[in-house]
Amino acid sequence: LSCVVSGTLLRVNTMAWYRQAPGKQRESVARIFSSGSTNYADSVKGRF
C-alpha cells in the first residue's frame, strides 16, 4: 500500500496505517515516527 501526502507541510509528523474490518472498529496497524522508528499491532508483527 502507498499513501501520498500533498499540501502545505510545516514539519515531519508521525504517520500511521489503520484498518477497519466489516462490522468492526477501526484499529491501528502500524506507525512510523519522524525518527524512522516503527511499531506494529501484534496481529501483523513479522508480516507487515
All heavy atoms as atom14 arrays in JSON, in Angstrom:
{
  "sequence": "LSCVVSGTLLRVNTMAWYRQAPGKQRESVARIFSSGSTNYADSVKGRF",
  "atom14_mask": [
    [1, 1, 1, 1, 1, 1, 1, 1, 0, 0, 0, 0, 0, 0],
    [1, 1, 1, 1, 1, 1, 0, 0, 0, 0, 0, 0, 0, 0],
    [1, 1, 1, 1, 1, 1, 0, 0, 0, 0, 0, 0, 0, 0],
    [1, 1, 1, 1, 1, 1, 1, 0, 0, 0, 0, 0, 0, 0],
    [1, 1, 1, 1, 1, 1, 1, 0, 0, 0, 0, 0, 0, 0],
    [1, 1, 1, 1, 1, 1, 0, 0, 0, 0, 0, 0, 0, 0],
    [1, 1, 1, 1, 0, 0, 0, 0, 0, 0, 0, 0, 0, 0],
    [1, 1, 1, 1, 1, 1, 1, 0, 0, 0, 0, 0, 0, 0],
    [1, 1, 1, 1, 1, 1, 1, 1, 0, 0, 0, 0, 0, 0],
    [1, 1, 1, 1, 1, 1, 1, 1, 0, 0, 0, 0, 0, 0],
    [1, 1, 1, 1, 1, 1, 1, 1, 1, 1, 1, 0, 0, 0],
    [1, 1, 1, 1, 1, 1, 1, 0, 0, 0, 0, 0, 0, 0],
    [1, 1, 1, 1, 1, 1, 1, 1, 0, 0, 0, 0, 0, 0],
    [1, 1, 1, 1, 1, 1, 1, 0, 0, 0, 0, 0, 0, 0],
    [1, 1, 1, 1, 1, 1, 1, 1, 0, 0, 0, 0, 0, 0],
    [1, 1, 1, 1, 1, 0, 0, 0, 0, 0, 0, 0, 0, 0],
    [1, 1, 1, 1, 1, 1, 1, 1, 1, 1, 1, 1, 1, 1],
    [1, 1, 1, 1, 1, 1, 1, 1, 1, 1, 1, 1, 0, 0],
    [1, 1, 1, 1, 1, 1, 1, 1, 1, 1, 1, 0, 0, 0],
    [1, 1, 1, 1, 1, 1, 1, 1, 1, 0, 0, 0, 0, 0],
    [1, 1, 1, 1, 1, 0, 0, 0, 0, 0, 0, 0, 0, 0],
    [1, 1, 1, 1, 1, 1, 1, 0, 0, 0, 0, 0, 0, 0],
    [1, 1, 1, 1, 0, 0, 0, 0, 0, 0, 0, 0, 0, 0],
    [1, 1, 1, 1, 1, 1, 1, 1, 1, 0, 0, 0, 0, 0],
    [1, 1, 1, 1, 1, 1, 1, 1, 1, 0, 0, 0, 0, 0],
    [1, 1, 1, 1, 1, 1, 1, 1, 1, 1, 1, 0, 0, 0],
    [1, 1, 1, 1, 1, 1, 1, 1, 1, 0, 0, 0, 0, 0],
    [1, 1, 1, 1, 1, 1, 0, 0, 0, 0, 0, 0, 0, 0],
    [1, 1, 1, 1, 1, 1, 1, 0, 0, 0, 0, 0, 0, 0],
    [1, 1, 1, 1, 1, 0, 0, 0, 0, 0, 0, 0, 0, 0],
    [1, 1, 1, 1, 1, 1, 1, 1, 1, 1, 1, 0, 0, 0],
    [1, 1, 1, 1, 1, 1, 1, 1, 0, 0, 0, 0, 0, 0],
    [1, 1, 1, 1, 1, 1, 1, 1, 1, 1, 1, 0, 0, 0],
    [1, 1, 1, 1, 1, 1, 0, 0, 0, 0, 0, 0, 0, 0],
    [1, 1, 1, 1, 1, 1, 0, 0, 0, 0, 0, 0, 0, 0],
    [1, 1, 1, 1, 0, 0, 0, 0, 0, 0, 0, 0, 0, 0],
    [1, 1, 1, 1, 1, 1, 0, 0, 0, 0, 0, 0, 0, 0],
    [1, 1, 1, 1, 1, 1, 1, 0, 0, 0, 0, 0, 0, 0],
    [1, 1, 1, 1, 1, 1, 1, 1, 0, 0, 0, 0, 0, 0],
    [1, 1, 1, 1, 1, 1, 1, 1, 1, 1, 1, 1, 0, 0],
    [1, 1, 1, 1, 1, 0, 0, 0, 0, 0, 0, 0, 0, 0],
    [1, 1, 1, 1, 1, 1, 1, 1, 0, 0, 0, 0, 0, 0],
    [1, 1, 1, 1, 1, 1, 0, 0, 0, 0, 0, 0, 0, 0],
    [1, 1, 1, 1, 1, 1, 1, 0, 0, 0, 0, 0, 0, 0],
    [1, 1, 1, 1, 1, 1, 1, 1, 1, 0, 0, 0, 0, 0],
    [1, 1, 1, 1, 0, 0, 0, 0, 0, 0, 0, 0, 0, 0],
    [1, 1, 1, 1, 1, 1, 1, 1, 1, 1, 1, 0, 0, 0],
    [1, 1, 1, 1, 1, 1, 1, 1, 1, 1, 1, 0, 0, 0]
  ],
  "atom14_positions": [
    [[0.83, -1.19, 0.0], [0.0, 0.0, 0.0], [0.87, 1.25, 0.0], [1.95, 1.26, 0.59], [-0.91, 0.03, 1.22], [-1.79, -1.2, 1.47], [-2.69, -0.96, 2.68], [-2.6, -1.56, 0.24], [0.0, 0.0, 0.0], [0.0, 0.0, 0.0], [0.0, 0.0, 0.0], [0.0, 0.0, 0.0], [0.0, 0.0, 0.0], [0.0, 0.0, 0.0]],
    [[0.38, 2.3, -0.65], [1.08, 3.58, -0.69], [0.15, 4.68, -0.2], [-1.06, 4.64, -0.43], [1.54, 3.91, -2.11], [2.45, 2.95, -2.59], [0.0, 0.0, 0.0], [0.0, 0.0, 0.0], [0.0, 0.0, 0.0], [0.0, 0.0, 0.0], [0.0, 0.0, 0.0], [0.0, 0.0, 0.0], [0.0, 0.0, 0.0], [0.0, 0.0, 0.0]],
    [[0.72, 5.67, 0.45], [0.0, 6.85, 0.9], [0.81, 8.07, 0.5], [1.9, 8.29, 1.02], [-0.21, 6.82, 2.41], [-0.89, 8.33, 3.13], [0.0, 0.0, 0.0], [0.0, 0.0, 0.0], [0.0, 0.0, 0.0], [0.0, 0.0, 0.0], [0.0, 0.0, 0.0], [0.0, 0.0, 0.0], [0.0, 0.0, 0.0], [0.0, 0.0, 0.0]],
    [[0.28, 8.84, -0.44], [0.95, 10.04, -0.9], [0.4, 11.24, -0.14], [-0.81, 11.45, -0.08], [0.76, 10.24, -2.41], [1.41, 11.54, -2.87], [1.35, 9.06, -3.18], [0.0, 0.0, 0.0], [0.0, 0.0, 0.0], [0.0, 0.0, 0.0], [0.0, 0.0, 0.0], [0.0, 0.0, 0.0], [0.0, 0.0, 0.0], [0.0, 0.0, 0.0]],
    [[1.3, 12.02, 0.44], [0.94, 13.2, 1.21], [1.19, 14.44, 0.37], [2.29, 14.64, -0.15], [1.76, 13.29, 2.52], [1.32, 14.5, 3.34], [1.63, 12.01, 3.33], [0.0, 0.0, 0.0], [0.0, 0.0, 0.0], [0.0, 0.0, 0.0], [0.0, 0.0, 0.0], [0.0, 0.0, 0.0], [0.0, 0.0, 0.0], [0.0, 0.0, 0.0]],
    [[0.18, 15.28, 0.22], [0.32, 16.51, -0.54], [-0.22, 17.68, 0.26], [-0.99, 17.51, 1.2], [-0.38, 16.41, -1.88], [-1.78, 16.21, -1.71], [0.0, 0.0, 0.0], [0.0, 0.0, 0.0], [0.0, 0.0, 0.0], [0.0, 0.0, 0.0], [0.0, 0.0, 0.0], [0.0, 0.0, 0.0], [0.0, 0.0, 0.0], [0.0, 0.0, 0.0]],
    [[0.17, 18.88, -0.14], [-0.28, 20.09, 0.54], [0.86, 20.81, 1.22], [2.03, 20.53, 0.96], [0.0, 0.0, 0.0], [0.0, 0.0, 0.0], [0.0, 0.0, 0.0], [0.0, 0.0, 0.0], [0.0, 0.0, 0.0], [0.0, 0.0, 0.0], [0.0, 0.0, 0.0], [0.0, 0.0, 0.0], [0.0, 0.0, 0.0], [0.0, 0.0, 0.0]],
    [[0.51, 21.72, 2.08], [1.49, 22.5, 2.81], [1.94, 21.76, 4.06], [1.14, 21.53, 4.97], [0.91, 23.87, 3.19], [0.49, 24.56, 2.02], [1.96, 24.71, 3.91], [0.0, 0.0, 0.0], [0.0, 0.0, 0.0], [0.0, 0.0, 0.0], [0.0, 0.0, 0.0], [0.0, 0.0, 0.0], [0.0, 0.0, 0.0], [0.0, 0.0, 0.0]],
    [[3.2, 21.37, 4.09], [3.76, 20.61, 5.2], [4.76, 21.47, 5.95], [5.77, 21.91, 5.39], [4.44, 19.35, 4.68], [3.61, 18.45, 3.77], [4.43, 17.25, 3.33], [2.34, 17.99, 4.47], [0.0, 0.0, 0.0], [0.0, 0.0, 0.0], [0.0, 0.0, 0.0], [0.0, 0.0, 0.0], [0.0, 0.0, 0.0], [0.0, 0.0, 0.0]],
    [[4.48, 21.69, 7.23], [5.35, 22.52, 8.05], [6.44, 21.73, 8.75], [7.49, 22.28, 9.1], [4.52, 23.28, 9.1], [3.42, 24.19, 8.54], [2.69, 24.87, 9.69], [4.02, 25.23, 7.6], [0.0, 0.0, 0.0], [0.0, 0.0, 0.0], [0.0, 0.0, 0.0], [0.0, 0.0, 0.0], [0.0, 0.0, 0.0], [0.0, 0.0, 0.0]],
    [[6.19, 20.45, 8.97], [7.16, 19.6, 9.64], [6.87, 18.13, 9.35], [5.81, 17.81, 8.82], [7.13, 19.84, 11.15], [5.82, 19.44, 11.81], [5.85, 19.73, 13.3], [4.64, 19.28, 13.96], [4.47, 18.07, 14.47], [5.45, 17.17, 14.4], [3.32, 17.75, 15.06], [0.0, 0.0, 0.0], [0.0, 0.0, 0.0], [0.0, 0.0, 0.0]],
    [[7.8, 17.26, 9.7], [7.61, 15.83, 9.56], [6.81, 15.33, 10.75], [7.13, 15.62, 11.9], [8.96, 15.09, 9.47], [8.73, 13.59, 9.4], [9.75, 15.58, 8.27], [0.0, 0.0, 0.0], [0.0, 0.0, 0.0], [0.0, 0.0, 0.0], [0.0, 0.0, 0.0], [0.0, 0.0, 0.0], [0.0, 0.0, 0.0], [0.0, 0.0, 0.0]],
    [[5.75, 14.6, 10.48], [4.87, 14.04, 11.51], [4.99, 12.53, 11.57], [5.49, 11.89, 10.66], [3.42, 14.4, 11.22], [3.02, 15.76, 11.76], [3.86, 16.64, 11.92], [1.72, 15.93, 12.03], [0.0, 0.0, 0.0], [0.0, 0.0, 0.0], [0.0, 0.0, 0.0], [0.0, 0.0, 0.0], [0.0, 0.0, 0.0], [0.0, 0.0, 0.0]],
    [[4.49, 11.98, 12.67], [4.27, 10.55, 12.75], [3.18, 10.16, 11.74], [2.17, 10.85, 11.62], [3.84, 10.15, 14.17], [4.87, 10.49, 15.09], [3.54, 8.66, 14.25], [0.0, 0.0, 0.0], [0.0, 0.0, 0.0], [0.0, 0.0, 0.0], [0.0, 0.0, 0.0], [0.0, 0.0, 0.0], [0.0, 0.0, 0.0], [0.0, 0.0, 0.0]],
    [[3.4, 9.08, 11.02], [2.43, 8.56, 10.07], [2.02, 7.16, 10.51], [2.79, 6.44, 11.13], [3.0, 8.51, 8.66], [3.44, 9.86, 8.12], [2.05, 11.01, 7.88], [1.12, 10.16, 6.61], [0.0, 0.0, 0.0], [0.0, 0.0, 0.0], [0.0, 0.0, 0.0], [0.0, 0.0, 0.0], [0.0, 0.0, 0.0], [0.0, 0.0, 0.0]],
    [[0.79, 6.79, 10.17], [0.27, 5.5, 10.62], [-0.66, 4.89, 9.59], [-1.24, 5.59, 8.75], [-0.46, 5.66, 11.95], [0.0, 0.0, 0.0], [0.0, 0.0, 0.0], [0.0, 0.0, 0.0], [0.0, 0.0, 0.0], [0.0, 0.0, 0.0], [0.0, 0.0, 0.0], [0.0, 0.0, 0.0], [0.0, 0.0, 0.0], [0.0, 0.0, 0.0]],
    [[-0.81, 3.58, 9.68], [-1.82, 2.83, 8.95], [-2.81, 2.23, 9.92], [-2.41, 1.65, 10.94], [-1.2, 1.72, 8.11], [-0.48, 2.2, 6.89], [0.85, 2.43, 6.76], [-1.07, 2.48, 5.62], [1.14, 2.85, 5.49], [-0.02, 2.89, 4.76], [-2.37, 2.43, 5.12], [-0.24, 3.26, 3.43], [-2.59, 2.79, 3.8], [-1.54, 3.2, 2.97]],
    [[-4.08, 2.37, 9.61], [-5.17, 1.75, 10.34], [-5.96, 0.86, 9.39], [-5.85, 0.99, 8.17], [-6.11, 2.8, 10.92], [-5.58, 3.59, 12.09], [-4.57, 4.52, 11.93], [-6.11, 3.41, 13.37], [-4.08, 5.26, 13.0], [-5.64, 4.15, 14.45], [-4.63, 5.06, 14.25], [-4.16, 5.79, 15.33], [0.0, 0.0, 0.0], [0.0, 0.0, 0.0]],
    [[-6.77, -0.02, 9.95], [-7.67, -0.8, 9.12], [-9.0, -1.0, 9.84], [-9.07, -0.93, 11.07], [-7.07, -2.16, 8.75], [-6.94, -3.14, 9.91], [-6.22, -4.4, 9.46], [-6.06, -5.35, 10.54], [-5.3, -6.44, 10.48], [-4.63, -6.71, 9.37], [-5.22, -7.26, 11.52], [0.0, 0.0, 0.0], [0.0, 0.0, 0.0], [0.0, 0.0, 0.0]],
    [[-10.02, -1.24, 9.05], [-11.35, -1.49, 9.59], [-11.97, -2.67, 8.86], [-12.24, -2.58, 7.66], [-12.24, -0.26, 9.47], [-13.57, -0.38, 10.19], [-14.26, 0.96, 10.36], [-13.96, 1.92, 9.65], [-15.16, 1.03, 11.32], [0.0, 0.0, 0.0], [0.0, 0.0, 0.0], [0.0, 0.0, 0.0], [0.0, 0.0, 0.0], [0.0, 0.0, 0.0]],
    [[-12.17, -3.75, 9.59], [-12.81, -4.93, 9.03], [-14.32, -4.75, 9.08], [-14.84, -3.97, 9.88], [-12.4, -6.17, 9.81], [0.0, 0.0, 0.0], [0.0, 0.0, 0.0], [0.0, 0.0, 0.0], [0.0, 0.0, 0.0], [0.0, 0.0, 0.0], [0.0, 0.0, 0.0], [0.0, 0.0, 0.0], [0.0, 0.0, 0.0], [0.0, 0.0, 0.0]],
    [[-15.06, -5.49, 8.23], [-16.52, -5.37, 8.23], [-17.11, -5.62, 9.62], [-16.8, -6.63, 10.25], [-16.96, -6.45, 7.24], [-15.79, -6.61, 6.32], [-14.58, -6.42, 7.2], [0.0, 0.0, 0.0], [0.0, 0.0, 0.0], [0.0, 0.0, 0.0], [0.0, 0.0, 0.0], [0.0, 0.0, 0.0], [0.0, 0.0, 0.0], [0.0, 0.0, 0.0]],
    [[-17.93, -4.7, 10.09], [-18.59, -4.85, 11.38], [-17.71, -4.61, 12.59], [-18.15, -4.85, 13.71], [0.0, 0.0, 0.0], [0.0, 0.0, 0.0], [0.0, 0.0, 0.0], [0.0, 0.0, 0.0], [0.0, 0.0, 0.0], [0.0, 0.0, 0.0], [0.0, 0.0, 0.0], [0.0, 0.0, 0.0], [0.0, 0.0, 0.0], [0.0, 0.0, 0.0]],
    [[-16.48, -4.14, 12.39], [-15.56, -3.93, 13.49], [-15.08, -2.48, 13.55], [-15.24, -1.72, 12.6], [-14.35, -4.85, 13.38], [-14.68, -6.32, 13.55], [-13.45, -7.12, 13.91], [-13.82, -8.46, 14.48], [-12.65, -9.14, 15.09], [0.0, 0.0, 0.0], [0.0, 0.0, 0.0], [0.0, 0.0, 0.0], [0.0, 0.0, 0.0], [0.0, 0.0, 0.0]],
    [[-14.51, -2.09, 14.69], [-13.95, -0.76, 14.86], [-12.63, -0.63, 14.11], [-11.94, -1.62, 13.87], [-13.72, -0.46, 16.34], [-14.98, -0.33, 17.16], [-14.7, 0.16, 18.57], [-15.48, 0.92, 19.13], [-13.59, -0.26, 19.15], [0.0, 0.0, 0.0], [0.0, 0.0, 0.0], [0.0, 0.0, 0.0], [0.0, 0.0, 0.0], [0.0, 0.0, 0.0]],
    [[-12.3, 0.6, 13.76], [-11.01, 0.86, 13.15], [-9.9, 0.6, 14.17], [-10.0, 1.0, 15.33], [-10.96, 2.31, 12.66], [-9.8, 2.62, 11.75], [-9.94, 4.02, 11.14], [-11.15, 4.14, 10.34], [-11.48, 5.22, 9.64], [-10.7, 6.28, 9.64], [-12.61, 5.24, 8.94], [0.0, 0.0, 0.0], [0.0, 0.0, 0.0], [0.0, 0.0, 0.0]],
    [[-8.83, -0.05, 13.72], [-7.73, -0.39, 14.6], [-6.39, 0.05, 14.01], [-6.21, 0.04, 12.8], [-7.7, -1.9, 14.89], [-7.43, -2.76, 13.67], [-7.31, -4.23, 13.99], [-7.18, -4.59, 15.17], [-7.33, -5.05, 13.04], [0.0, 0.0, 0.0], [0.0, 0.0, 0.0], [0.0, 0.0, 0.0], [0.0, 0.0, 0.0], [0.0, 0.0, 0.0]],
    [[-5.48, 0.4, 14.88], [-4.14, 0.76, 14.47], [-3.37, -0.47, 14.03], [-3.42, -1.51, 14.69], [-3.4, 1.46, 15.62], [-2.07, 1.75, 15.26], [0.0, 0.0, 0.0], [0.0, 0.0, 0.0], [0.0, 0.0, 0.0], [0.0, 0.0, 0.0], [0.0, 0.0, 0.0], [0.0, 0.0, 0.0], [0.0, 0.0, 0.0], [0.0, 0.0, 0.0]],
    [[-2.65, -0.36, 12.92], [-1.87, -1.46, 12.38], [-0.37, -1.21, 12.54], [0.37, -2.08, 12.99], [-2.21, -1.69, 10.89], [-1.28, -2.74, 10.28], [-3.66, -2.12, 10.75], [0.0, 0.0, 0.0], [0.0, 0.0, 0.0], [0.0, 0.0, 0.0], [0.0, 0.0, 0.0], [0.0, 0.0, 0.0], [0.0, 0.0, 0.0], [0.0, 0.0, 0.0]],
    [[0.07, -0.02, 12.14], [1.5, 0.29, 12.16], [1.7, 1.78, 12.24], [0.88, 2.56, 11.74], [2.19, -0.27, 10.91], [0.0, 0.0, 0.0], [0.0, 0.0, 0.0], [0.0, 0.0, 0.0], [0.0, 0.0, 0.0], [0.0, 0.0, 0.0], [0.0, 0.0, 0.0], [0.0, 0.0, 0.0], [0.0, 0.0, 0.0], [0.0, 0.0, 0.0]],
    [[2.81, 2.18, 12.86], [3.18, 3.6, 12.94], [4.66, 3.76, 12.63], [5.47, 2.89, 12.94], [2.91, 4.17, 14.34], [1.47, 4.16, 14.78], [1.15, 5.33, 15.67], [1.96, 5.32, 16.89], [2.05, 6.36, 17.73], [1.41, 7.49, 17.47], [2.8, 6.26, 18.82], [0.0, 0.0, 0.0], [0.0, 0.0, 0.0], [0.0, 0.0, 0.0]],
    [[4.99, 4.88, 12.02], [6.38, 5.24, 11.79], [6.58, 6.66, 12.28], [5.87, 7.58, 11.87], [6.82, 5.05, 10.32], [8.31, 5.34, 10.17], [5.98, 5.89, 9.38], [8.91, 4.8, 8.88], [0.0, 0.0, 0.0], [0.0, 0.0, 0.0], [0.0, 0.0, 0.0], [0.0, 0.0, 0.0], [0.0, 0.0, 0.0], [0.0, 0.0, 0.0]],
    [[7.53, 6.84, 13.19], [7.79, 8.14, 13.78], [8.75, 8.96, 12.91], [9.37, 8.43, 11.99], [8.38, 7.96, 15.19], [7.46, 7.22, 16.12], [7.55, 5.84, 16.26], [6.49, 7.89, 16.85], [6.71, 5.15, 17.11], [5.64, 7.21, 17.7], [5.74, 5.84, 17.83], [0.0, 0.0, 0.0], [0.0, 0.0, 0.0], [0.0, 0.0, 0.0]],
    [[8.85, 10.24, 13.21], [9.72, 11.1, 12.42], [11.17, 10.64, 12.45], [11.92, 10.88, 11.51], [9.62, 12.55, 12.9], [9.96, 12.66, 14.27], [0.0, 0.0, 0.0], [0.0, 0.0, 0.0], [0.0, 0.0, 0.0], [0.0, 0.0, 0.0], [0.0, 0.0, 0.0], [0.0, 0.0, 0.0], [0.0, 0.0, 0.0], [0.0, 0.0, 0.0]],
    [[11.55, 9.96, 13.53], [12.9, 9.42, 13.66], [13.15, 8.22, 12.76], [14.29, 7.82, 12.55], [13.16, 9.01, 15.11], [12.32, 7.94, 15.48], [0.0, 0.0, 0.0], [0.0, 0.0, 0.0], [0.0, 0.0, 0.0], [0.0, 0.0, 0.0], [0.0, 0.0, 0.0], [0.0, 0.0, 0.0], [0.0, 0.0, 0.0], [0.0, 0.0, 0.0]],
    [[12.07, 7.61, 12.25], [12.16, 6.39, 11.48], [11.83, 5.14, 12.27], [11.69, 4.06, 11.7], [0.0, 0.0, 0.0], [0.0, 0.0, 0.0], [0.0, 0.0, 0.0], [0.0, 0.0, 0.0], [0.0, 0.0, 0.0], [0.0, 0.0, 0.0], [0.0, 0.0, 0.0], [0.0, 0.0, 0.0], [0.0, 0.0, 0.0], [0.0, 0.0, 0.0]],
    [[11.71, 5.26, 13.59], [11.31, 4.13, 14.41], [9.88, 3.72, 14.09], [9.07, 4.54, 13.68], [11.43, 4.48, 15.9], [12.78, 4.72, 16.26], [0.0, 0.0, 0.0], [0.0, 0.0, 0.0], [0.0, 0.0, 0.0], [0.0, 0.0, 0.0], [0.0, 0.0, 0.0], [0.0, 0.0, 0.0], [0.0, 0.0, 0.0], [0.0, 0.0, 0.0]],
    [[9.59, 2.44, 14.3], [8.28, 1.9, 13.95], [7.7, 1.08, 15.08], [8.43, 0.62, 15.97], [8.37, 1.0, 12.71], [9.27, -0.09, 12.98], [8.88, 1.78, 11.51], [0.0, 0.0, 0.0], [0.0, 0.0, 0.0], [0.0, 0.0, 0.0], [0.0, 0.0, 0.0], [0.0, 0.0, 0.0], [0.0, 0.0, 0.0], [0.0, 0.0, 0.0]],
    [[6.39, 0.89, 15.07], [5.76, -0.11, 15.91], [4.56, -0.7, 15.18], [4.05, -0.12, 14.23], [5.41, 0.42, 17.31], [4.42, 1.56, 17.31], [3.62, 1.74, 16.4], [4.46, 2.36, 18.38], [0.0, 0.0, 0.0], [0.0, 0.0, 0.0], [0.0, 0.0, 0.0], [0.0, 0.0, 0.0], [0.0, 0.0, 0.0], [0.0, 0.0, 0.0]],
    [[4.13, -1.88, 15.65], [3.11, -2.66, 14.95], [2.13, -3.3, 15.93], [2.48, -3.6, 17.07], [3.77, -3.79, 14.15], [4.74, -3.32, 13.11], [6.09, -3.16, 13.41], [4.32, -3.03, 11.81], [6.99, -2.71, 12.46], [5.21, -2.59, 10.86], [6.54, -2.43, 11.18], [7.43, -1.99, 10.23], [0.0, 0.0, 0.0], [0.0, 0.0, 0.0]],
    [[0.93, -3.53, 15.44], [-0.01, -4.34, 16.18], [0.51, -5.78, 16.24], [1.14, -6.26, 15.29], [-1.38, -4.31, 15.52], [0.0, 0.0, 0.0], [0.0, 0.0, 0.0], [0.0, 0.0, 0.0], [0.0, 0.0, 0.0], [0.0, 0.0, 0.0], [0.0, 0.0, 0.0], [0.0, 0.0, 0.0], [0.0, 0.0, 0.0], [0.0, 0.0, 0.0]],
    [[0.24, -6.46, 17.34], [0.7, -7.84, 17.48], [0.21, -8.74, 16.35], [0.92, -9.66, 15.93], [0.25, -8.42, 18.82], [0.99, -7.84, 20.0], [2.06, -7.23, 19.81], [0.49, -8.0, 21.14], [0.0, 0.0, 0.0], [0.0, 0.0, 0.0], [0.0, 0.0, 0.0], [0.0, 0.0, 0.0], [0.0, 0.0, 0.0], [0.0, 0.0, 0.0]],
    [[-0.98, -8.47, 15.85], [-1.58, -9.32, 14.83], [-0.84, -9.27, 13.49], [-0.99, -10.19, 12.68], [-3.04, -8.94, 14.61], [-3.16, -7.59, 14.22], [0.0, 0.0, 0.0], [0.0, 0.0, 0.0], [0.0, 0.0, 0.0], [0.0, 0.0, 0.0], [0.0, 0.0, 0.0], [0.0, 0.0, 0.0], [0.0, 0.0, 0.0], [0.0, 0.0, 0.0]],
    [[-0.04, -8.22, 13.26], [0.66, -8.09, 11.98], [2.17, -8.11, 12.13], [2.89, -8.14, 11.12], [0.24, -6.81, 11.23], [-1.27, -6.74, 11.09], [0.78, -5.56, 11.92], [0.0, 0.0, 0.0], [0.0, 0.0, 0.0], [0.0, 0.0, 0.0], [0.0, 0.0, 0.0], [0.0, 0.0, 0.0], [0.0, 0.0, 0.0], [0.0, 0.0, 0.0]],
    [[2.66, -8.09, 13.35], [4.1, -8.06, 13.59], [4.78, -9.26, 12.94], [4.34, -10.4, 13.09], [4.38, -8.05, 15.09], [5.79, -7.63, 15.45], [5.96, -7.53, 16.96], [7.34, -7.03, 17.35], [7.55, -5.62, 16.95], [0.0, 0.0, 0.0], [0.0, 0.0, 0.0], [0.0, 0.0, 0.0], [0.0, 0.0, 0.0], [0.0, 0.0, 0.0]],
    [[5.85, -8.99, 12.2], [6.56, -10.03, 11.49], [6.08, -10.25, 10.08], [6.76, -10.93, 9.3], [0.0, 0.0, 0.0], [0.0, 0.0, 0.0], [0.0, 0.0, 0.0], [0.0, 0.0, 0.0], [0.0, 0.0, 0.0], [0.0, 0.0, 0.0], [0.0, 0.0, 0.0], [0.0, 0.0, 0.0], [0.0, 0.0, 0.0], [0.0, 0.0, 0.0]],
    [[4.92, -9.72, 9.74], [4.36, -9.87, 8.4], [4.27, -8.54, 7.64], [4.43, -8.52, 6.43], [2.96, -10.5, 8.46], [2.94, -11.89, 9.07], [1.56, -12.53, 8.93], [0.54, -11.79, 9.66], [-0.54, -11.24, 9.09], [-0.74, -11.35, 7.79], [-1.43, -10.6, 9.85], [0.0, 0.0, 0.0], [0.0, 0.0, 0.0], [0.0, 0.0, 0.0]],
    [[3.99, -7.46, 8.36], [3.82, -6.14, 7.74], [5.02, -5.26, 8.06], [5.62, -5.36, 9.14], [2.57, -5.44, 8.26], [1.26, -6.04, 7.82], [1.18, -7.27, 7.2], [0.08, -5.34, 8.05], [-0.03, -7.81, 6.8], [-1.14, -5.86, 7.66], [-1.2, -7.1, 7.04], [0.0, 0.0, 0.0], [0.0, 0.0, 0.0], [0.0, 0.0, 0.0]]
  ]
}
